[in-house]
């Protein structure tokens, strides 16, 4: 299952800068680990902002929730998860709809 992930710090956590940067390092290391495991296909940190984007490939929404909840910055980020349909499946669906429209004429 493909999902679009967006995580962004909203407001600043009340932590000293060194602790905040320590968490940021752990966050990026965790995201790199997910990429090495094949759970993130592509992604990166937002330039000039406090957050990241990723395309995740997981077996279930429960697996995705577990991965997101394990992120070191999870208590401080606003998360957006959007299910995605692969291009191939979308094309197949569009072609079936087109054929259906042709059959009804």
C-alpha atoms as a PDB file:
ATOM      1  CA  UNK A   1       0.000   0.000   0.000  1.00  0.00           C
ATOM      2  CA  UNK A   2       1.341   3.395  -0.953  1.00  0.00           C
ATOM      3  CA  UNK A   3       0.888   6.438   1.250  1.00  0.00           C
ATOM      4  CA  UNK A   4       2.004  10.024   1.071  1.00  0.00           C
ATOM      5  CA  UNK A   5       3.421  11.117   4.435  1.00  0.00           C
ATOM      6  CA  UNK A   6       3.902  14.704   5.531  1.00  0.00           C
ATOM      7  CA  UNK A   7       5.211  15.484   8.995  1.00  0.00           C
ATOM      8  CA  UNK A   8       5.827  19.043  10.117  1.00  0.00           C
ATOM      9  CA  UNK A   9       6.599  20.640  13.470  1.00  0.00           C
ATOM     10  CA  UNK A  10       3.814  23.055  14.350  1.00  0.00           C
ATOM     11  CA  UNK A  11       4.828  25.490  17.050  1.00  0.00           C
ATOM     12  CA  UNK A  12       8.088  24.856  18.761  1.00  0.00           C
ATOM     13  CA  UNK A  13       8.595  22.121  21.316  1.00  0.00           C
ATOM     14  CA  UNK A  14       9.731  23.640  24.597  1.00  0.00           C
ATOM     15  CA  UNK A  15      13.117  21.934  24.543  1.00  0.00           C
ATOM     16  CA  UNK A  16      16.631  23.364  24.713  1.00  0.00           C
ATOM     17  CA  UNK A  17      18.155  23.680  21.212  1.00  0.00           C
ATOM     18  CA  UNK A  18      20.674  20.856  21.777  1.00  0.00           C
ATOM     19  CA  UNK A  19      17.892  18.423  22.750  1.00  0.00           C
ATOM     20  CA  UNK A  20      15.781  19.530  19.793  1.00  0.00           C
ATOM     21  CA  UNK A  21      18.663  18.984  17.355  1.00  0.00           C
ATOM     22  CA  UNK A  22      19.415  15.624  18.973  1.00  0.00           C
ATOM     23  CA  UNK A  23      15.802  14.612  18.287  1.00  0.00           C
ATOM     24  CA  UNK A  24      16.083  15.951  14.721  1.00  0.00           C
ATOM     25  CA  UNK A  25      19.193  13.820  14.113  1.00  0.00           C
ATOM     26  CA  UNK A  26      17.409  10.738  15.485  1.00  0.00           C
ATOM     27  CA  UNK A  27      14.366  11.542  13.331  1.00  0.00           C
ATOM     28  CA  UNK A  28      16.399  11.691  10.114  1.00  0.00           C
ATOM     29  CA  UNK A  29      18.329   8.544  11.068  1.00  0.00           C
ATOM     30  CA  UNK A  30      15.006   6.748  11.602  1.00  0.00           C
ATOM     31  CA  UNK A  31      13.687   7.931   8.225  1.00  0.00           C
ATOM     32  CA  UNK A  32      16.914   6.737   6.543  1.00  0.00           C
ATOM     33  CA  UNK A  33      16.458   3.375   8.272  1.00  0.00           C
ATOM     34  CA  UNK A  34      12.889   3.133   6.935  1.00  0.00           C
ATOM     35  CA  UNK A  35      14.211   3.906   3.442  1.00  0.00           C
ATOM     36  CA  UNK A  36      16.879   1.184   3.772  1.00  0.00           C
ATOM     37  CA  UNK A  37      14.121  -1.265   4.814  1.00  0.00           C
ATOM     38  CA  UNK A  38      12.122  -0.356   1.703  1.00  0.00           C
ATOM     39  CA  UNK A  39       9.320   1.264   3.718  1.00  0.00           C
ATOM     40  CA  UNK A  40      10.093   4.704   2.232  1.00  0.00           C
ATOM     41  CA  UNK A  41      10.476   4.818  -1.549  1.00  0.00           C
ATOM     42  CA  UNK A  42      11.414   8.502  -1.770  1.00  0.00           C
ATOM     43  CA  UNK A  43      11.335  11.547   0.403  1.00  0.00           C
ATOM     44  CA  UNK A  44      13.281  14.279   2.044  1.00  0.00           C
ATOM     45  CA  UNK A  45      13.373  17.116   4.518  1.00  0.00           C
ATOM     46  CA  UNK A  46      11.555  20.320   3.578  1.00  0.00           C
ATOM     47  CA  UNK A  47      14.047  23.020   2.635  1.00  0.00           C
ATOM     48  CA  UNK A  48      13.798  25.966   5.001  1.00  0.00           C
ATOM     49  CA  UNK A  49      11.088  24.348   7.125  1.00  0.00           C
ATOM     50  CA  UNK A  50      10.788  21.905  10.002  1.00  0.00           C
ATOM     51  CA  UNK A  51       9.356  18.794   8.440  1.00  0.00           C
ATOM     52  CA  UNK A  52       9.620  16.072   5.853  1.00  0.00           C
ATOM     53  CA  UNK A  53       7.747  14.301   3.087  1.00  0.00           C
ATOM     54  CA  UNK A  54       7.875  10.661   2.052  1.00  0.00           C
ATOM     55  CA  UNK A  55       6.198   8.096  -0.160  1.00  0.00           C
ATOM     56  CA  UNK A  56       5.741   5.028   2.018  1.00  0.00           C
ATOM     57  CA  UNK A  57       5.212   1.455   0.866  1.00  0.00           C
ATOM     58  CA  UNK A  58       3.705  -0.610   3.685  1.00  0.00           C
ATOM     59  CA  UNK A  59       1.603  -3.743   4.049  1.00  0.00           C
ATOM     60  CA  UNK A  60      -1.162  -2.078   6.079  1.00  0.00           C
ATOM     61  CA  UNK A  61      -2.332   1.149   7.658  1.00  0.00           C
ATOM     62  CA  UNK A  62      -1.497  -0.426  11.008  1.00  0.00           C
ATOM     63  CA  UNK A  63       2.130  -0.888   9.934  1.00  0.00           C
ATOM     64  CA  UNK A  64       2.254   2.717   8.793  1.00  0.00           C
ATOM     65  CA  UNK A  65       0.818   3.915  12.111  1.00  0.00           C
ATOM     66  CA  UNK A  66       3.451   1.883  13.986  1.00  0.00           C
ATOM     67  CA  UNK A  67       6.280   3.363  11.898  1.00  0.00           C
ATOM     68  CA  UNK A  68       4.979   6.922  12.297  1.00  0.00           C
ATOM     69  CA  UNK A  69       4.410   6.532  16.047  1.00  0.00           C
ATOM     70  CA  UNK A  70       8.022   5.340  16.436  1.00  0.00           C
ATOM     71  CA  UNK A  71       9.444   8.527  14.930  1.00  0.00           C
ATOM     72  CA  UNK A  72      11.433  10.434  17.572  1.00  0.00           C
ATOM     73  CA  UNK A  73       9.671  13.705  16.680  1.00  0.00           C
ATOM     74  CA  UNK A  74       6.182  12.124  16.642  1.00  0.00           C
ATOM     75  CA  UNK A  75       4.994  13.935  19.797  1.00  0.00           C
ATOM     76  CA  UNK A  76       5.847  17.280  18.181  1.00  0.00           C
ATOM     77  CA  UNK A  77       4.739  16.887  14.562  1.00  0.00           C
ATOM     78  CA  UNK A  78       1.489  17.280  12.734  1.00  0.00           C
ATOM     79  CA  UNK A  79       1.125  14.242  10.465  1.00  0.00           C
ATOM     80  CA  UNK A  80      -0.821  13.969   7.228  1.00  0.00           C
ATOM     81  CA  UNK A  81      -1.263  10.538   5.628  1.00  0.00           C
ATOM     82  CA  UNK A  82      -2.844  10.151   2.191  1.00  0.00           C
ATOM     83  CA  UNK A  83      -3.473   6.758   0.560  1.00  0.00           C
ATOM     84  CA  UNK A  84      -2.197   6.574  -3.008  1.00  0.00           C
ATOM     85  CA  UNK A  85      -3.229   4.423  -5.962  1.00  0.00           C
ATOM     86  CA  UNK A  86      -0.390   3.309  -8.226  1.00  0.00           C
ATOM     87  CA  UNK A  87      -0.329   4.692 -11.765  1.00  0.00           C
ATOM     88  CA  UNK A  88      -0.891   1.259 -13.284  1.00  0.00           C
ATOM     89  CA  UNK A  89      -4.039   0.645 -11.246  1.00  0.00           C
ATOM     90  CA  UNK A  90      -5.289   4.173 -11.965  1.00  0.00           C
ATOM     91  CA  UNK A  91      -4.776   3.601 -15.708  1.00  0.00           C
ATOM     92  CA  UNK A  92      -6.622   0.287 -15.542  1.00  0.00           C
ATOM     93  CA  UNK A  93      -9.522   1.943 -13.704  1.00  0.00           C
ATOM     94  CA  UNK A  94      -9.694   4.795 -16.229  1.00  0.00           C
ATOM     95  CA  UNK A  95      -9.631   2.353 -19.164  1.00  0.00           C
ATOM     96  CA  UNK A  96     -12.459   0.289 -17.618  1.00  0.00           C
ATOM     97  CA  UNK A  97     -14.517   3.436 -17.078  1.00  0.00           C
ATOM     98  CA  UNK A  98     -13.858   4.533 -20.655  1.00  0.00           C
ATOM     99  CA  UNK A  99     -14.874   1.103 -21.982  1.00  0.00           C
ATOM    100  CA  UNK A 100     -18.003   1.198 -19.845  1.00  0.00           C
ATOM    101  CA  UNK A 101     -18.954   4.579 -21.280  1.00  0.00           C
ATOM    102  CA  UNK A 102     -18.440   3.246 -24.818  1.00  0.00           C
ATOM    103  CA  UNK A 103     -20.579   0.186 -24.127  1.00  0.00           C
ATOM    104  CA  UNK A 104     -23.475   2.295 -22.875  1.00  0.00           C
ATOM    105  CA  UNK A 105     -23.809   4.241 -26.170  1.00  0.00           C
END
